[in-house]
Amino acid sequence: AIVELTHDKTIKIWDMVMGTCMQMLMGHSHQVWSVVFLPDLKLVVSGSDNKTIKIWDVVMGICM
């Protein structure tokens, strides 16, 4: 999977083989500037312009 940061404050998780969006993570109130997959590839940590960090369950598409 690959992660895309968009200007609309969302994070998109793409399937590189199929070329389809697997998950769209919404919840930041400001633009997202950084994101990293945790080693198990089930969680993503993101940081936004207002200095907040969110931990996401990629499978469920929810902020933990």
PDB file of N, CA and C in Angstrom:
ATOM      1  N   ALA A   1       0.845  -1.192   0.000  1.00  0.00           N
ATOM      2  CA  ALA A   1       0.000   0.000   0.000  1.00  0.00           C
ATOM      3  C   ALA A   1       0.883   1.246   0.000  1.00  0.00           C
ATOM      4  N   ILE A   2       0.312   2.311  -0.485  1.00  0.00           N
ATOM      5  CA  ILE A   2       0.988   3.602  -0.498  1.00  0.00           C
ATOM      6  C   ILE A   2       0.024   4.644   0.076  1.00  0.00           C
ATOM      7  N   VAL A   3       0.578   5.661   0.722  1.00  0.00           N
ATOM      8  CA  VAL A   3      -0.235   6.687   1.369  1.00  0.00           C
ATOM      9  C   VAL A   3      -0.159   7.989   0.583  1.00  0.00           C
ATOM     10  N   GLU A   4      -1.318   8.628   0.412  1.00  0.00           N
ATOM     11  CA  GLU A   4      -1.389   9.932  -0.248  1.00  0.00           C
ATOM     12  C   GLU A   4      -1.939  10.957   0.734  1.00  0.00           C
ATOM     13  N   LEU A   5      -1.241  12.077   0.853  1.00  0.00           N
ATOM     14  CA  LEU A   5      -1.735  13.203   1.652  1.00  0.00           C
ATOM     15  C   LEU A   5      -2.392  14.182   0.700  1.00  0.00           C
ATOM     16  N   THR A   6      -3.613  14.591   1.006  1.00  0.00           N
ATOM     17  CA  THR A   6      -4.344  15.468   0.100  1.00  0.00           C
ATOM     18  C   THR A   6      -4.529  16.848   0.717  1.00  0.00           C
ATOM     19  N   HIS A   7      -4.878  17.823  -0.116  1.00  0.00           N
ATOM     20  CA  HIS A   7      -5.091  19.188   0.365  1.00  0.00           C
ATOM     21  C   HIS A   7      -6.397  19.346   1.129  1.00  0.00           C
ATOM     22  N   ASP A   8      -7.270  18.350   1.060  1.00  0.00           N
ATOM     23  CA  ASP A   8      -8.565  18.464   1.738  1.00  0.00           C
ATOM     24  C   ASP A   8      -8.576  17.821   3.129  1.00  0.00           C
ATOM     25  N   LYS A   9      -7.393  17.671   3.734  1.00  0.00           N
ATOM     26  CA  LYS A   9      -7.227  17.182   5.109  1.00  0.00           C
ATOM     27  C   LYS A   9      -7.495  15.696   5.259  1.00  0.00           C
ATOM     28  N   THR A  10      -7.476  14.955   4.159  1.00  0.00           N
ATOM     29  CA  THR A  10      -7.686  13.518   4.229  1.00  0.00           C
ATOM     30  C   THR A  10      -6.406  12.768   3.897  1.00  0.00           C
ATOM     31  N   ILE A  11      -6.406  11.500   4.265  1.00  0.00           N
ATOM     32  CA  ILE A  11      -5.308  10.590   3.966  1.00  0.00           C
ATOM     33  C   ILE A  11      -5.912   9.450   3.167  1.00  0.00           C
ATOM     34  N   LYS A  12      -5.315   9.125   2.039  1.00  0.00           N
ATOM     35  CA  LYS A  12      -5.816   8.021   1.229  1.00  0.00           C
ATOM     36  C   LYS A  12      -4.788   6.896   1.215  1.00  0.00           C
ATOM     37  N   ILE A  13      -5.275   5.674   1.405  1.00  0.00           N
ATOM     38  CA  ILE A  13      -4.444   4.486   1.349  1.00  0.00           C
ATOM     39  C   ILE A  13      -4.766   3.775   0.038  1.00  0.00           C
ATOM     40  N   TRP A  14      -3.757   3.606  -0.808  1.00  0.00           N
ATOM     41  CA  TRP A  14      -3.953   3.038  -2.142  1.00  0.00           C
ATOM     42  C   TRP A  14      -3.365   1.635  -2.233  1.00  0.00           C
ATOM     43  N   ASP A  15      -4.059   0.769  -2.930  1.00  0.00           N
ATOM     44  CA  ASP A  15      -3.555  -0.549  -3.289  1.00  0.00           C
ATOM     45  C   ASP A  15      -2.696  -0.352  -4.539  1.00  0.00           C
ATOM     46  N   MET A  16      -1.403  -0.604  -4.441  1.00  0.00           N
ATOM     47  CA  MET A  16      -0.494  -0.338  -5.557  1.00  0.00           C
ATOM     48  C   MET A  16      -0.707  -1.303  -6.719  1.00  0.00           C
ATOM     49  N   VAL A  17      -1.143  -2.503  -6.447  1.00  0.00           N
ATOM     50  CA  VAL A  17      -1.347  -3.488  -7.506  1.00  0.00           C
ATOM     51  C   VAL A  17      -2.615  -3.176  -8.302  1.00  0.00           C
ATOM     52  N   MET A  18      -3.716  -2.930  -7.590  1.00  0.00           N
ATOM     53  CA  MET A  18      -4.998  -2.690  -8.247  1.00  0.00           C
ATOM     54  C   MET A  18      -5.175  -1.230  -8.677  1.00  0.00           C
ATOM     55  N   GLY A  19      -4.433  -0.321  -8.048  1.00  0.00           N
ATOM     56  CA  GLY A  19      -4.565   1.094  -8.367  1.00  0.00           C
ATOM     57  C   GLY A  19      -5.845   1.704  -7.835  1.00  0.00           C
ATOM     58  N   THR A  20      -6.382   1.115  -6.773  1.00  0.00           N
ATOM     59  CA  THR A  20      -7.631   1.600  -6.197  1.00  0.00           C
ATOM     60  C   THR A  20      -7.413   2.132  -4.786  1.00  0.00           C
ATOM     61  N   CYS A  21      -8.263   3.055  -4.394  1.00  0.00           N
ATOM     62  CA  CYS A  21      -8.220   3.603  -3.036  1.00  0.00           C
ATOM     63  C   CYS A  21      -8.867   2.594  -2.094  1.00  0.00           C
ATOM     64  N   MET A  22      -8.084   2.104  -1.146  1.00  0.00           N
ATOM     65  CA  MET A  22      -8.580   1.111  -0.197  1.00  0.00           C
ATOM     66  C   MET A  22      -9.284   1.769   0.991  1.00  0.00           C
ATOM     67  N   GLN A  23      -8.811   2.960   1.371  1.00  0.00           N
ATOM     68  CA  GLN A  23      -9.335   3.613   2.570  1.00  0.00           C
ATOM     69  C   GLN A  23      -9.095   5.108   2.477  1.00  0.00           C
ATOM     70  N   MET A  24     -10.062   5.888   2.938  1.00  0.00           N
ATOM     71  CA  MET A  24      -9.882   7.325   3.053  1.00  0.00           C
ATOM     72  C   MET A  24     -10.092   7.679   4.514  1.00  0.00           C
ATOM     73  N   LEU A  25      -9.060   8.242   5.126  1.00  0.00           N
ATOM     74  CA  LEU A  25      -9.079   8.573   6.548  1.00  0.00           C
ATOM     75  C   LEU A  25      -9.363  10.058   6.710  1.00  0.00           C
ATOM     76  N   MET A  26     -10.444  10.376   7.398  1.00  0.00           N
ATOM     77  CA  MET A  26     -10.854  11.769   7.596  1.00  0.00           C
ATOM     78  C   MET A  26     -10.968  12.058   9.082  1.00  0.00           C
ATOM     79  N   GLY A  27     -10.495  13.227   9.500  1.00  0.00           N
ATOM     80  CA  GLY A  27     -10.597  13.572  10.907  1.00  0.00           C
ATOM     81  C   GLY A  27      -9.708  14.727  11.331  1.00  0.00           C
ATOM     82  N   HIS A  28      -8.695  15.028  10.532  1.00  0.00           N
ATOM     83  CA  HIS A  28      -7.854  16.179  10.851  1.00  0.00           C
ATOM     84  C   HIS A  28      -8.603  17.468  10.509  1.00  0.00           C
ATOM     85  N   SER A  29      -8.413  18.485  11.322  1.00  0.00           N
ATOM     86  CA  SER A  29      -9.068  19.775  11.055  1.00  0.00           C
ATOM     87  C   SER A  29      -8.156  20.726  10.278  1.00  0.00           C
ATOM     88  N   HIS A  30      -6.903  20.332  10.087  1.00  0.00           N
ATOM     89  CA  HIS A  30      -5.934  21.114   9.326  1.00  0.00           C
ATOM     90  C   HIS A  30      -5.209  20.185   8.351  1.00  0.00           C
ATOM     91  N   GLN A  31      -4.477  20.778   7.423  1.00  0.00           N
ATOM     92  CA  GLN A  31      -3.764  19.992   6.417  1.00  0.00           C
ATOM     93  C   GLN A  31      -2.782  19.024   7.069  1.00  0.00           C
ATOM     94  N   VAL A  32      -2.723  17.813   6.544  1.00  0.00           N
ATOM     95  CA  VAL A  32      -1.830  16.775   7.040  1.00  0.00           C
ATOM     96  C   VAL A  32      -0.485  16.913   6.329  1.00  0.00           C
ATOM     97  N   TRP A  33       0.592  16.902   7.129  1.00  0.00           N
ATOM     98  CA  TRP A  33       1.935  17.100   6.573  1.00  0.00           C
ATOM     99  C   TRP A  33       2.818  15.866   6.660  1.00  0.00           C
ATOM    100  N   SER A  34       2.480  14.947   7.538  1.00  0.00           N
ATOM    101  CA  SER A  34       3.341  13.769   7.662  1.00  0.00           C
ATOM    102  C   SER A  34       2.500  12.544   8.008  1.00  0.00           C
ATOM    103  N   VAL A  35       3.006  11.405   7.568  1.00  0.00           N
ATOM    104  CA  VAL A  35       2.319  10.144   7.844  1.00  0.00           C
ATOM    105  C   VAL A  35       3.342   9.017   7.790  1.00  0.00           C
ATOM    106  N   VAL A  36       3.139   8.002   8.619  1.00  0.00           N
ATOM    107  CA  VAL A  36       4.029   6.843   8.617  1.00  0.00           C
ATOM    108  C   VAL A  36       3.213   5.600   8.957  1.00  0.00           C
ATOM    109  N   PHE A  37       3.492   4.505   8.230  1.00  0.00           N
ATOM    110  CA  PHE A  37       2.925   3.213   8.588  1.00  0.00           C
ATOM    111  C   PHE A  37       3.720   2.655   9.753  1.00  0.00           C
ATOM    112  N   LEU A  38       3.055   2.051  10.731  1.00  0.00           N
ATOM    113  CA  LEU A  38       3.759   1.311  11.764  1.00  0.00           C
ATOM    114  C   LEU A  38       4.173  -0.033  11.161  1.00  0.00           C
ATOM    115  N   PRO A  39       5.158  -0.701  11.751  1.00  0.00           N
ATOM    116  CA  PRO A  39       5.712  -1.916  11.138  1.00  0.00           C
ATOM    117  C   PRO A  39       4.688  -3.001  10.794  1.00  0.00           C
ATOM    118  N   ASP A  40       3.589  -3.090  11.520  1.00  0.00           N
ATOM    119  CA  ASP A  40       2.606  -4.142  11.231  1.00  0.00           C
ATOM    120  C   ASP A  40       1.705  -3.806  10.039  1.00  0.00           C
ATOM    121  N   LEU A  41       1.819  -2.594   9.500  1.00  0.00           N
ATOM    122  CA  LEU A  41       1.039  -2.101   8.363  1.00  0.00           C
ATOM    123  C   LEU A  41      -0.460  -2.028   8.634  1.00  0.00           C
ATOM    124  N   LYS A  42      -0.847  -2.140   9.892  1.00  0.00           N
ATOM    125  CA  LYS A  42      -2.260  -2.033  10.255  1.00  0.00           C
ATOM    126  C   LYS A  42      -2.593  -0.671  10.852  1.00  0.00           C
ATOM    127  N   LEU A  43      -1.566   0.054  11.264  1.00  0.00           N
ATOM    128  CA  LEU A  43      -1.754   1.370  11.864  1.00  0.00           C
ATOM    129  C   LEU A  43      -0.953   2.414  11.112  1.00  0.00           C
ATOM    130  N   VAL A  44      -1.520   3.614  11.044  1.00  0.00           N
ATOM    131  CA  VAL A  44      -0.854   4.764  10.450  1.00  0.00           C
ATOM    132  C   VAL A  44      -0.876   5.879  11.482  1.00  0.00           C
ATOM    133  N   VAL A  45       0.235   6.595  11.603  1.00  0.00           N
ATOM    134  CA  VAL A  45       0.298   7.776  12.456  1.00  0.00           C
ATOM    135  C   VAL A  45       0.427   8.988  11.540  1.00  0.00           C
ATOM    136  N   SER A  46      -0.402  10.013  11.788  1.00  0.00           N
ATOM    137  CA  SER A  46      -0.365  11.210  10.950  1.00  0.00           C
ATOM    138  C   SER A  46      -0.238  12.452  11.814  1.00  0.00           C
ATOM    139  N   GLY A  47       0.392  13.478  11.248  1.00  0.00           N
ATOM    140  CA  GLY A  47       0.554  14.753  11.934  1.00  0.00           C
ATOM    141  C   GLY A  47       0.074  15.877  11.040  1.00  0.00           C
ATOM    142  N   SER A  48      -0.618  16.854  11.635  1.00  0.00           N
ATOM    143  CA  SER A  48      -1.177  17.928  10.812  1.00  0.00           C
ATOM    144  C   SER A  48      -0.612  19.293  11.208  1.00  0.00           C
ATOM    145  N   ASP A  49      -1.031  20.280  10.438  1.00  0.00           N
ATOM    146  CA  ASP A  49      -0.554  21.660  10.560  1.00  0.00           C
ATOM    147  C   ASP A  49      -0.820  22.272  11.935  1.00  0.00           C
ATOM    148  N   ASN A  50      -1.844  21.800  12.638  1.00  0.00           N
ATOM    149  CA  ASN A  50      -2.152  22.369  13.955  1.00  0.00           C
ATOM    150  C   ASN A  50      -1.457  21.610  15.091  1.00  0.00           C
ATOM    151  N   LYS A  51      -0.427  20.851  14.727  1.00  0.00           N
ATOM    152  CA  LYS A  51       0.430  20.141  15.684  1.00  0.00           C
ATOM    153  C   LYS A  51      -0.294  19.021  16.427  1.00  0.00           C
ATOM    154  N   THR A  52      -1.279  18.401  15.775  1.00  0.00           N
ATOM    155  CA  THR A  52      -1.944  17.236  16.356  1.00  0.00           C
ATOM    156  C   THR A  52      -1.449  15.977  15.650  1.00  0.00           C
ATOM    157  N   ILE A  53      -1.481  14.894  16.403  1.00  0.00           N
ATOM    158  CA  ILE A  53      -1.101  13.584  15.884  1.00  0.00           C
ATOM    159  C   ILE A  53      -2.296  12.662  16.051  1.00  0.00           C
ATOM    160  N   LYS A  54      -2.554  11.850  15.031  1.00  0.00           N
ATOM    161  CA  LYS A  54      -3.639  10.878  15.103  1.00  0.00           C
ATOM    162  C   LYS A  54      -3.088   9.498  14.756  1.00  0.00           C
ATOM    163  N   ILE A  55      -3.635   8.486  15.421  1.00  0.00           N
ATOM    164  CA  ILE A  55      -3.293   7.100  15.135  1.00  0.00           C
ATOM    165  C   ILE A  55      -4.523   6.460  14.509  1.00  0.00           C
ATOM    166  N   TRP A  56      -4.333   5.863  13.344  1.00  0.00           N
ATOM    167  CA  TRP A  56      -5.428   5.318  12.555  1.00  0.00           C
ATOM    168  C   TRP A  56      -5.340   3.809  12.447  1.00  0.00           C
ATOM    169  N   ASP A  57      -6.476   3.157  12.564  1.00  0.00           N
ATOM    170  CA  ASP A  57      -6.603   1.739  12.243  1.00  0.00           C
ATOM    171  C   ASP A  57      -6.921   1.678  10.752  1.00  0.00           C
ATOM    172  N   VAL A  58      -5.973   1.222   9.950  1.00  0.00           N
ATOM    173  CA  VAL A  58      -6.124   1.239   8.503  1.00  0.00           C
ATOM    174  C   VAL A  58      -7.221   0.276   8.037  1.00  0.00           C
ATOM    175  N   VAL A  59      -7.327  -0.863   8.676  1.00  0.00           N
ATOM    176  CA  VAL A  59      -8.321  -1.855   8.289  1.00  0.00           C
ATOM    177  C   VAL A  59      -9.736  -1.335   8.510  1.00  0.00           C
ATOM    178  N   MET A  60      -9.974  -0.742   9.669  1.00  0.00           N
ATOM    179  CA  MET A  60     -11.305  -0.241  10.019  1.00  0.00           C
ATOM    180  C   MET A  60     -11.559   1.176   9.488  1.00  0.00           C
ATOM    181  N   GLY A  61     -10.486   1.911   9.207  1.00  0.00           N
ATOM    182  CA  GLY A  61     -10.629   3.285   8.707  1.00  0.00           C
ATOM    183  C   GLY A  61     -11.041   4.272   9.776  1.00  0.00           C
ATOM    184  N   ILE A  62     -10.644   3.990  11.022  1.00  0.00           N
ATOM    185  CA  ILE A  62     -11.048   4.860  12.129  1.00  0.00           C
ATOM    186  C   ILE A  62      -9.834   5.399  12.879  1.00  0.00           C
ATOM    187  N   CYS A  63     -10.044   6.559  13.488  1.00  0.00           N
ATOM    188  CA  CYS A  63      -9.030   7.147  14.349  1.00  0.00           C
ATOM    189  C   CYS A  63      -9.178   6.514  15.730  1.00  0.00           C
ATOM    190  N   MET A  64      -8.063   6.092  16.280  1.00  0.00           N
ATOM    191  CA  MET A  64      -8.105   5.409  17.579  1.00  0.00           C
ATOM    192  C   MET A  64      -8.005   6.390  18.738  1.00  0.00           C
TER     193      MET A  64
END
